[in-house]
C-alpha atoms as a PDB file:
ATOM      1  CA  MET A   1      -5.639 -47.739   6.488  1.00  0.00           C
ATOM      2  CA  SER A   2      -2.975 -49.242   4.310  1.00  0.00           C
ATOM      3  CA  VAL A   3       0.353 -47.725   3.406  1.00  0.00           C
ATOM      4  CA  THR A   4      -0.720 -47.377  -0.213  1.00  0.00           C
ATOM      5  CA  THR A   5      -3.812 -45.394   0.737  1.00  0.00           C
ATOM      6  CA  ARG A   6      -1.770 -43.038   2.914  1.00  0.00           C
ATOM      7  CA  ARG A   7       0.751 -42.519   0.145  1.00  0.00           C
ATOM      8  CA  LEU A   8      -1.992 -41.760  -2.375  1.00  0.00           C
ATOM      9  CA  ARG A   9      -3.610 -39.227  -0.031  1.00  0.00           C
ATOM     10  CA  ARG A  10      -0.277 -37.523   0.604  1.00  0.00           C
ATOM     11  CA  GLN A  11       0.419 -37.313  -3.134  1.00  0.00           C
ATOM     12  CA  ARG A  12      -3.050 -35.871  -3.765  1.00  0.00           C
ATOM     13  CA  ARG A  13      -2.513 -33.188  -1.097  1.00  0.00           C
ATOM     14  CA  GLN A  14       0.860 -32.275  -2.576  1.00  0.00           C
ATOM     15  CA  ARG A  15      -0.647 -31.987  -6.056  1.00  0.00           C
ATOM     16  CA  LEU A  16      -3.330 -29.622  -4.731  1.00  0.00           C
ATOM     17  CA  ARG A  17      -0.833 -27.348  -2.943  1.00  0.00           C
ATOM     18  CA  LEU A  18       1.053 -26.335  -6.075  1.00  0.00           C
ATOM     19  CA  PRO A  19      -1.928 -24.909  -8.021  1.00  0.00           C
ATOM     20  CA  VAL A  20      -3.120 -23.033  -4.945  1.00  0.00           C
ATOM     21  CA  LEU A  21       0.326 -21.529  -4.479  1.00  0.00           C
ATOM     22  CA  VAL A  22       0.495 -20.547  -8.150  1.00  0.00           C
ATOM     23  CA  VAL A  23      -2.924 -18.894  -7.996  1.00  0.00           C
ATOM     24  CA  VAL A  24      -2.006 -16.939  -4.858  1.00  0.00           C
ATOM     25  CA  LEU A  25       1.274 -15.744  -6.377  1.00  0.00           C
ATOM     26  CA  LEU A  26      -0.395 -14.727  -9.637  1.00  0.00           C
ATOM     27  CA  ALA A  27      -3.111 -12.840  -7.763  1.00  0.00           C
ATOM     28  CA  ALA A  28      -0.489 -10.991  -5.717  1.00  0.00           C
ATOM     29  CA  ALA A  29       1.471 -10.103  -8.837  1.00  0.00           C
ATOM     30  CA  ALA A  30      -1.681  -8.931 -10.621  1.00  0.00           C
ATOM     31  CA  ALA A  31      -2.560  -6.712  -7.670  1.00  0.00           C
ATOM     32  CA  LEU A  32       0.889  -5.120  -7.518  1.00  0.00           C
ATOM     33  CA  VAL A  33       1.560  -4.539 -11.215  1.00  0.00           C
ATOM     34  CA  PRO A  34      -1.069  -1.825 -11.823  1.00  0.00           C
ATOM     35  CA  ALA A  35       0.256   0.165  -8.859  1.00  0.00           C
ATOM     36  CA  CYS A  36       3.465   0.940 -10.751  1.00  0.00           C
ATOM     37  CA  ALA A  37       2.998   3.723 -13.270  1.00  0.00           C
ATOM     38  CA  THR A  38       5.294   6.166 -14.966  1.00  0.00           C
ATOM     39  CA  VAL A  39       3.893   9.652 -15.421  1.00  0.00           C
ATOM     40  CA  ALA A  40       5.112  11.549 -18.430  1.00  0.00           C
ATOM     41  CA  PRO A  41       5.933  15.254 -17.988  1.00  0.00           C
ATOM     42  CA  TRP A  42       2.980  16.369 -20.127  1.00  0.00           C
ATOM     43  CA  GLN A  43       0.588  14.304 -17.953  1.00  0.00           C
ATOM     44  CA  ARG A  44       1.674  15.883 -14.671  1.00  0.00           C
ATOM     45  CA  GLY A  45      -0.454  18.959 -15.327  1.00  0.00           C
ATOM     46  CA  LYS A  46      -3.588  16.819 -15.268  1.00  0.00           C
ATOM     47  CA  LEU A  47      -2.598  15.272 -11.949  1.00  0.00           C
ATOM     48  CA  SER A  48      -2.040  18.668 -10.313  1.00  0.00           C
ATOM     49  CA  ARG A  49      -5.534  19.964 -11.107  1.00  0.00           C
ATOM     50  CA  ALA A  50      -7.833  20.896  -8.259  1.00  0.00           C
ATOM     51  CA  THR A  51     -10.174  17.998  -9.077  1.00  0.00           C
ATOM     52  CA  MET A  52      -7.368  15.531  -8.347  1.00  0.00           C
ATOM     53  CA  GLN A  53      -6.692  16.904  -4.851  1.00  0.00           C
ATOM     54  CA  THR A  54      -7.827  14.979  -1.779  1.00  0.00           C
ATOM     55  CA  SER A  55      -9.174  18.076  -0.040  1.00  0.00           C
ATOM     56  CA  ASP A  56     -11.639  20.612  -1.418  1.00  0.00           C
ATOM     57  CA  ASP A  57     -10.489  23.399   0.890  1.00  0.00           C
ATOM     58  CA  PRO A  58      -6.737  24.118   0.830  1.00  0.00           C
ATOM     59  CA  ALA A  59      -6.980  26.317   3.949  1.00  0.00           C
ATOM     60  CA  ALA A  60      -8.612  23.519   5.943  1.00  0.00           C
ATOM     61  CA  ALA A  61      -5.989  21.059   4.715  1.00  0.00           C
ATOM     62  CA  ALA A  62      -3.173  23.440   5.751  1.00  0.00           C
ATOM     63  CA  PHE A  63      -4.754  23.873   9.187  1.00  0.00           C
ATOM     64  CA  THR A  64      -5.076  20.106   9.635  1.00  0.00           C
ATOM     65  CA  ILE A  65      -1.422  19.640   8.740  1.00  0.00           C
ATOM     66  CA  HIS A  66      -0.458  22.401  11.201  1.00  0.00           C
ATOM     67  CA  VAL A  67      -2.466  20.750  13.996  1.00  0.00           C
ATOM     68  CA  ARG A  68      -0.930  17.339  13.311  1.00  0.00           C
ATOM     69  CA  ARG A  69       2.585  18.766  13.297  1.00  0.00           C
ATOM     70  CA  THR A  70       1.922  20.605  16.541  1.00  0.00           C
ATOM     71  CA  ARG A  71       0.348  17.679  18.390  1.00  0.00           C
ATOM     72  CA  GLU A  72       2.681  15.012  17.117  1.00  0.00           C
ATOM     73  CA  ALA A  73       5.905  16.981  16.774  1.00  0.00           C
ATOM     74  CA  MET A  74       7.862  14.272  18.472  1.00  0.00           C
ATOM     75  CA  ARG A  75       6.815  11.549  16.047  1.00  0.00           C
ATOM     76  CA  GLY A  76       6.749  13.566  12.833  1.00  0.00           C
ATOM     77  CA  ALA A  77       3.131  13.142  11.752  1.00  0.00           C
ATOM     78  CA  THR A  78       3.747  14.481   8.271  1.00  0.00           C
ATOM     79  CA  SER A  79       6.678  14.154   5.940  1.00  0.00           C
ATOM     80  CA  GLY A  80       8.006  17.670   6.569  1.00  0.00           C
ATOM     81  CA  GLY A  81      10.998  18.284   8.794  1.00  0.00           C
ATOM     82  CA  GLY A  82      12.569  16.004  11.307  1.00  0.00           C
ATOM     83  CA  PRO A  83      11.450  14.862  14.749  1.00  0.00           C
ATOM     84  CA  SER A  84      11.845  17.277  17.625  1.00  0.00           C
ATOM     85  CA  CYS A  85      11.266  17.340  21.349  1.00  0.00           C
ATOM     86  CA  GLY A  86       8.133  19.493  20.988  1.00  0.00           C
ATOM     87  CA  CYS A  87       9.232  21.957  23.680  1.00  0.00           C
ATOM     88  CA  ASN A  88       8.895  25.129  21.549  1.00  0.00           C
END
């Protein structure tokens, strides 16, 4: 293989890398942009409706949170409180 052929192949590979990089970066940006949303105060009422909740049964959800806090008290399984030794 001649030096010219190698140089042409290297240039072709470099030309192909840039569009691939641009496409990957644009796809990442397009995936992240819709995740950012500002909620106006008058829209917060709609988001707090029962149909928007992840659990149908609030009592079952409270029990699940209690069990997770009890079992994983040392790690802090939920966002409430700080870590403890779990010796209570």
